[in-house]
Amino acid sequence: MLADAALKAAQNQLEAERIVNSRELAGLRAAAAPLAAHGLALLLPAEGARAPLAAFGAVAWGRAGGRALVSLSGMPAQAPGADYQLWLEGPGLANPVECAVFHAPADGDAAGVQVSVPDSVSTGCRFILVDGQKGGARTLDEARARASIVLATSPLAESISGR
């Protein structure tokens, strides 16, 4: 009888924890829903890049609007004849997409540079920031051949909030 009572108590405890966990997960999903409409990717120095180790950036975009904001920090001052060019490459795109060409300000930080992105930035895509000639290149292959990749994101993974 004691064993049966202990088994029943354990089953009740497990059922109570399952109910509490499912409620907590539902609350977390509801809180994350507004964030699912946005994306954020961290730009870090690419392997072999000439960027200082302290250099980094971020790209934040609205999944429905086709607009994004790029913020850079710790970047060296650019030469007058050079521009940064932001590219997006990955699955779901016919070709790598040029998002923007811009010149970093003299203080070395570009806070809030507005760029355009495709309406859907899918899982597996990544952003690449190239330091190249003024006006940028026509294609990402040309940019890679004539310039240096400074910062890049890892391929974008599936959002946890979407699970």
Protein backbone atom coordinates (compact mmCIF):
# COMPACT_ATOMS: atom_id res chain seq x y z
CA MET A 1 0.00 0.00 0.00
CA LEU A 2 2.89 2.33 0.78
CA ALA A 3 4.47 1.58 -2.60
CA ASP A 4 1.16 2.24 -4.38
CA ALA A 5 0.74 5.53 -2.50
CA ALA A 6 4.33 6.60 -3.35
CA LEU A 7 3.81 5.68 -7.01
CA LYS A 8 0.56 7.66 -7.16
CA ALA A 9 2.26 10.68 -5.49
CA ALA A 10 5.11 10.54 -8.04
CA GLN A 11 2.62 10.35 -10.93
CA ASN A 12 0.70 13.33 -9.55
CA GLN A 13 3.95 15.29 -9.17
CA LEU A 14 4.97 14.55 -12.78
CA GLU A 15 1.54 15.56 -14.07
CA ALA A 16 1.65 18.83 -12.11
CA GLU A 17 5.14 19.64 -13.49
CA ARG A 18 3.97 18.88 -17.05
CA ILE A 19 1.03 21.29 -16.65
CA VAL A 20 3.23 24.05 -15.18
CA ASN A 21 5.88 23.59 -17.89
CA SER A 22 3.32 23.73 -20.70
CA ARG A 23 1.88 26.96 -19.25
CA GLU A 24 5.37 28.49 -18.94
CA LEU A 25 6.22 27.53 -22.53
CA ALA A 26 2.93 29.01 -23.78
CA GLY A 27 3.74 32.25 -21.95
CA LEU A 28 7.23 32.38 -23.46
CA ARG A 29 5.88 31.79 -26.97
CA ALA A 30 3.30 34.55 -26.53
CA ALA A 31 5.98 36.97 -25.30
CA ALA A 32 8.25 36.11 -28.26
CA ALA A 33 5.52 36.55 -30.91
CA PRO A 34 6.16 40.30 -31.49
CA LEU A 35 9.88 39.56 -31.87
CA ALA A 36 9.21 36.98 -34.59
CA ALA A 37 8.42 39.88 -36.94
CA HIS A 38 12.04 41.08 -36.68
CA GLY A 39 15.45 39.63 -37.33
CA LEU A 40 18.86 40.38 -35.83
CA ALA A 41 22.26 39.17 -37.01
CA LEU A 42 25.66 39.86 -35.46
CA LEU A 43 28.51 40.80 -37.82
CA LEU A 44 31.88 39.54 -36.58
CA PRO A 45 35.37 39.64 -38.11
CA ALA A 46 35.66 37.11 -40.90
CA GLU A 47 38.48 34.58 -40.83
CA GLY A 48 41.63 36.25 -42.14
CA ALA A 49 39.96 39.70 -42.17
CA ARG A 50 41.94 42.88 -41.68
CA ALA A 51 39.38 44.18 -39.19
CA PRO A 52 40.53 44.71 -35.60
CA LEU A 53 39.41 42.04 -33.14
CA ALA A 54 37.23 44.62 -31.37
CA ALA A 55 35.31 45.36 -34.58
CA PHE A 56 31.74 44.11 -34.82
CA GLY A 57 28.37 45.10 -36.14
CA ALA A 58 24.71 44.18 -36.18
CA VAL A 59 21.99 44.06 -38.79
CA ALA A 60 18.38 44.41 -37.58
CA TRP A 61 15.49 44.08 -40.01
CA GLY A 62 11.73 43.85 -40.15
CA ARG A 63 10.66 40.62 -41.80
CA ALA A 64 7.81 42.32 -43.68
CA GLY A 65 9.24 45.70 -44.64
CA GLY A 66 12.40 45.13 -46.66
CA ARG A 67 14.30 47.70 -44.58
CA ALA A 68 17.15 47.15 -42.16
CA LEU A 69 19.48 49.06 -39.90
CA VAL A 70 23.23 48.39 -39.76
CA SER A 71 25.33 49.48 -36.82
CA LEU A 72 29.14 49.11 -36.77
CA SER A 73 31.55 49.57 -33.89
CA GLY A 74 35.32 49.54 -33.58
CA MET A 75 35.91 49.81 -37.31
CA PRO A 76 39.01 51.61 -38.57
CA ALA A 77 38.60 54.85 -40.49
CA GLN A 78 38.09 54.29 -44.21
CA ALA A 79 40.23 55.79 -46.94
CA PRO A 80 38.46 58.54 -48.96
CA GLY A 81 38.29 56.27 -52.04
CA ALA A 82 36.68 53.32 -50.23
CA ASP A 83 33.16 52.29 -49.24
CA TYR A 84 31.60 49.47 -47.31
CA GLN A 85 29.21 47.26 -49.21
CA LEU A 86 26.72 44.97 -47.43
CA TRP A 87 25.64 41.79 -49.21
CA LEU A 88 23.14 39.06 -48.40
CA GLU A 89 23.76 35.57 -49.76
CA GLY A 90 22.12 32.23 -49.22
CA PRO A 91 19.27 29.93 -50.14
CA GLY A 92 16.09 31.40 -51.54
CA LEU A 93 17.95 34.18 -53.37
CA ALA A 94 18.54 34.04 -57.13
CA ASN A 95 21.89 35.81 -56.64
CA PRO A 96 23.60 37.45 -53.70
CA VAL A 97 21.72 40.69 -53.02
CA GLU A 98 23.44 44.04 -52.52
CA CYS A 99 21.84 45.71 -49.51
CA ALA A 100 23.83 48.96 -49.37
CA VAL A 101 26.97 50.89 -50.21
CA PHE A 102 28.06 53.43 -47.60
CA HIS A 103 31.10 55.24 -46.26
CA ALA A 104 31.91 54.94 -42.56
CA PRO A 105 32.04 58.24 -40.68
CA ALA A 106 35.36 59.63 -39.49
CA ASP A 107 34.90 58.41 -35.90
CA GLY A 108 35.02 54.80 -37.13
CA ASP A 109 31.49 53.89 -36.03
CA ALA A 110 28.47 53.78 -38.30
CA ALA A 111 25.42 53.91 -36.11
CA GLY A 112 22.12 53.40 -37.79
CA VAL A 113 22.89 53.16 -41.51
CA GLN A 114 19.61 52.30 -43.24
CA VAL A 115 19.79 49.59 -45.89
CA SER A 116 17.30 47.53 -47.88
CA VAL A 117 16.94 43.77 -47.63
CA PRO A 118 14.71 41.32 -49.48
CA ASP A 119 11.24 40.90 -48.01
CA SER A 120 12.18 37.45 -46.77
CA VAL A 121 15.58 36.77 -45.25
CA SER A 122 15.44 32.99 -44.99
CA THR A 123 17.18 30.46 -42.80
CA GLY A 124 20.68 29.77 -44.09
CA CYS A 125 21.29 33.29 -45.45
CA ARG A 126 24.16 35.41 -44.17
CA PHE A 127 25.24 39.05 -44.35
CA ILE A 128 28.73 39.95 -45.58
CA LEU A 129 30.35 43.38 -45.17
CA VAL A 130 33.04 44.15 -47.74
CA ASP A 131 35.53 47.02 -47.61
CA GLY A 132 36.13 47.95 -51.23
CA GLN A 133 36.26 50.62 -53.89
CA LYS A 134 34.10 53.74 -53.78
CA GLY A 135 30.68 52.95 -55.20
CA GLY A 136 31.01 49.21 -54.53
CA ALA A 137 31.12 46.27 -56.91
CA ARG A 138 28.45 44.96 -59.30
CA THR A 139 28.49 41.40 -57.91
CA LEU A 140 29.61 39.68 -54.73
CA ASP A 141 32.18 37.67 -56.71
CA GLU A 142 33.64 40.94 -58.02
CA ALA A 143 33.62 42.38 -54.51
CA ARG A 144 35.45 39.32 -53.16
CA ALA A 145 38.06 39.56 -55.93
CA ARG A 146 38.70 43.33 -55.58
CA ALA A 147 38.15 43.92 -51.87
CA SER A 148 38.34 42.31 -48.49
CA ILE A 149 35.55 40.79 -46.46
CA VAL A 150 35.68 42.57 -43.13
CA LEU A 151 32.70 41.28 -41.16
CA ALA A 152 30.20 38.47 -41.72
CA THR A 153 27.37 36.72 -39.92
CA SER A 154 27.00 33.01 -39.44
CA PRO A 155 24.26 31.52 -41.59
CA LEU A 156 20.96 32.46 -39.99
CA ALA A 157 19.43 29.65 -37.97
CA GLU A 158 15.78 28.89 -37.37
CA SER A 159 14.33 31.19 -34.71
CA ILE A 160 13.72 29.60 -31.32
CA SER A 161 10.50 31.62 -31.04
CA GLY A 162 9.19 29.83 -34.13
CA ARG A 163 9.26 26.42 -32.44
